[in-house]
Amino acid sequence: MSYETPQAAEDAYYDALESGDVEAMAGVWGADEEVACLLPMTPAAIGPQVQRMWRAIFEQGGRFDLQVTHLGWVEGADLAIHLVEERVVAQPGREVPSPIYATNVFRRGPDGWRLMLHQNSPTPPPPPTMPGDGQTAFA
């Protein structure tokens, strides 16, 4: 599969997450040793480890129904960086986890745009409030 824009590659990445499709996920990533995926509470996956990690996640039933909001992006001729917020879609009777911030880095090569780095982390808790005035300590 060839992706003509970074957004097309990103859409394919999140579609693969939602469907748990390991082949679709493999098609989104760059094929070289430079790719990396950093998820909370898991070891860094680099190069071929990225595909092994996603295969293991999907084989264990991992599926992710996410609402993705772009917070910002920088795009050049051959490199794009997207900062997004990932929110788990609420399921009846289940607690909704806090949103996650993610950075997706794409590079354009001879076969189109490919994902080179995905890193995500939980959002920080709200700042503490000052006693008595209701203002945050960092305002």
Protein backbone atom coordinates (compact mmCIF):
# COMPACT_ATOMS: atom_id res chain seq x y z
CA MET A 1 0.00 0.00 0.00
CA SER A 2 1.25 3.48 -0.81
CA TYR A 3 0.11 6.50 1.19
CA GLU A 4 0.14 9.82 -0.66
CA THR A 5 -0.01 11.99 2.46
CA PRO A 6 1.03 11.70 6.11
CA GLN A 7 -2.65 11.95 7.04
CA ALA A 8 -3.50 8.94 4.86
CA ALA A 9 -0.78 6.92 6.62
CA GLU A 10 -2.04 8.07 10.02
CA ASP A 11 -5.62 7.17 9.16
CA ALA A 12 -4.44 3.69 8.10
CA TYR A 13 -2.56 3.31 11.40
CA TYR A 14 -5.65 4.08 13.49
CA ASP A 15 -7.84 1.89 11.24
CA ALA A 16 -5.42 -1.01 11.85
CA LEU A 17 -5.58 -0.35 15.61
CA GLU A 18 -9.36 -0.42 15.57
CA SER A 19 -9.62 -3.59 13.50
CA GLY A 20 -6.67 -5.43 15.09
CA ASP A 21 -5.34 -6.14 11.59
CA VAL A 22 -1.66 -7.05 11.86
CA GLU A 23 -1.11 -7.00 8.08
CA ALA A 24 -2.64 -3.55 7.74
CA MET A 25 -0.49 -2.38 10.66
CA ALA A 26 2.65 -3.76 8.99
CA GLY A 27 1.81 -1.84 5.81
CA VAL A 28 1.78 1.51 7.60
CA TRP A 29 5.27 1.33 9.07
CA GLY A 30 8.54 2.05 7.35
CA ALA A 31 10.47 -1.11 6.55
CA ASP A 32 13.88 -0.11 7.80
CA GLU A 33 15.65 -0.49 11.13
CA GLU A 34 14.91 3.12 12.09
CA VAL A 35 11.27 2.65 13.10
CA ALA A 36 10.32 2.77 16.76
CA CYS A 37 7.19 2.41 18.84
CA LEU A 38 7.11 3.52 22.47
CA LEU A 39 4.01 2.62 24.45
CA PRO A 40 3.49 3.14 28.19
CA MET A 41 4.58 0.26 30.40
CA THR A 42 6.16 -1.71 27.53
CA PRO A 43 9.76 -1.99 26.41
CA ALA A 44 10.76 0.19 23.47
CA ALA A 45 10.16 -1.64 20.18
CA ILE A 46 12.74 -0.80 17.53
CA GLY A 47 13.08 -2.08 13.97
CA PRO A 48 11.54 -5.55 13.50
CA GLN A 49 10.44 -5.57 17.15
CA VAL A 50 7.66 -3.13 16.20
CA GLN A 51 5.84 -5.69 14.08
CA ARG A 52 6.38 -8.45 16.64
CA MET A 53 4.94 -6.20 19.36
CA TRP A 54 1.79 -5.38 17.37
CA ARG A 55 1.32 -9.01 16.39
CA ALA A 56 1.46 -10.01 20.09
CA ILE A 57 -0.96 -7.24 21.10
CA PHE A 58 -3.49 -8.21 18.41
CA GLU A 59 -3.13 -11.95 19.12
CA GLN A 60 -4.02 -11.22 22.76
CA GLY A 61 -7.23 -9.56 21.59
CA GLY A 62 -5.99 -5.98 21.62
CA ARG A 63 -8.40 -3.69 19.79
CA PHE A 64 -8.54 0.05 20.25
CA ASP A 65 -11.62 2.16 19.54
CA LEU A 66 -10.15 5.65 19.70
CA GLN A 67 -11.27 9.17 18.96
CA VAL A 68 -8.22 11.04 17.64
CA THR A 69 -7.90 14.83 17.80
CA HIS A 70 -5.00 16.68 16.22
CA LEU A 71 -3.36 19.13 18.61
CA GLY A 72 -0.71 20.29 16.15
CA TRP A 73 1.52 19.23 13.34
CA VAL A 74 4.58 20.18 11.36
CA GLU A 75 4.86 18.95 7.81
CA GLY A 76 7.74 19.37 5.39
CA ALA A 77 8.50 17.91 1.99
CA ASP A 78 9.67 14.54 3.36
CA LEU A 79 8.99 14.60 7.11
CA ALA A 80 5.82 15.14 9.14
CA ILE A 81 5.22 15.24 12.88
CA HIS A 82 1.67 14.98 14.25
CA LEU A 83 0.78 15.59 17.90
CA VAL A 84 -2.57 14.01 18.72
CA GLU A 85 -4.82 13.26 21.64
CA GLU A 86 -6.19 9.72 21.72
CA ARG A 87 -9.39 9.13 23.68
CA VAL A 88 -10.92 5.71 24.21
CA VAL A 89 -14.52 5.72 23.00
CA ALA A 90 -16.82 5.23 25.99
CA GLN A 91 -18.41 1.80 26.39
CA PRO A 92 -21.63 1.46 28.42
CA GLY A 93 -20.88 0.54 32.02
CA ARG A 94 -17.11 1.04 31.74
CA GLU A 95 -14.96 3.78 33.17
CA VAL A 96 -13.37 5.92 30.47
CA PRO A 97 -9.61 6.23 30.92
CA SER A 98 -7.85 9.57 30.72
CA PRO A 99 -6.81 10.69 27.24
CA ILE A 100 -3.37 9.89 25.91
CA TYR A 101 -1.04 12.24 24.07
CA ALA A 102 0.75 10.71 21.09
CA THR A 103 3.41 11.79 18.63
CA ASN A 104 3.41 10.26 15.17
CA VAL A 105 6.40 10.87 12.89
CA PHE A 106 6.14 10.10 9.19
CA ARG A 107 8.74 10.10 6.42
CA ARG A 108 8.16 10.13 2.69
CA GLY A 109 10.15 7.60 0.70
CA PRO A 110 9.95 6.06 -2.75
CA ASP A 111 6.86 4.05 -1.72
CA GLY A 112 4.98 7.02 -0.19
CA TRP A 113 4.56 8.13 3.40
CA ARG A 114 5.29 5.68 6.22
CA LEU A 115 5.11 5.84 10.00
CA MET A 116 8.58 5.97 11.54
CA LEU A 117 7.77 6.66 15.20
CA HIS A 118 4.72 6.37 17.39
CA GLN A 119 5.11 7.37 21.01
CA ASN A 120 2.31 7.91 23.48
CA SER A 121 1.92 8.69 27.13
CA PRO A 122 -0.92 9.37 29.54
CA THR A 123 -1.90 12.97 30.04
CA PRO A 124 -0.71 14.47 33.31
CA PRO A 125 -3.15 14.94 36.19
CA PRO A 126 -4.58 18.43 36.64
CA PRO A 127 -2.33 20.83 38.55
CA PRO A 128 -2.95 21.13 42.31
CA THR A 129 -5.09 23.99 43.58
CA MET A 130 -3.96 26.46 46.20
CA PRO A 131 -5.84 26.21 49.50
CA GLY A 132 -8.57 28.77 49.87
CA ASP A 133 -8.48 30.50 46.49
CA GLY A 134 -9.40 27.72 44.05
CA GLN A 135 -6.58 28.79 41.72
CA THR A 136 -4.11 26.30 40.38
CA ALA A 137 -0.62 26.45 41.79
CA PHE A 138 0.78 27.12 38.30
CA ALA A 139 -1.60 29.83 37.12
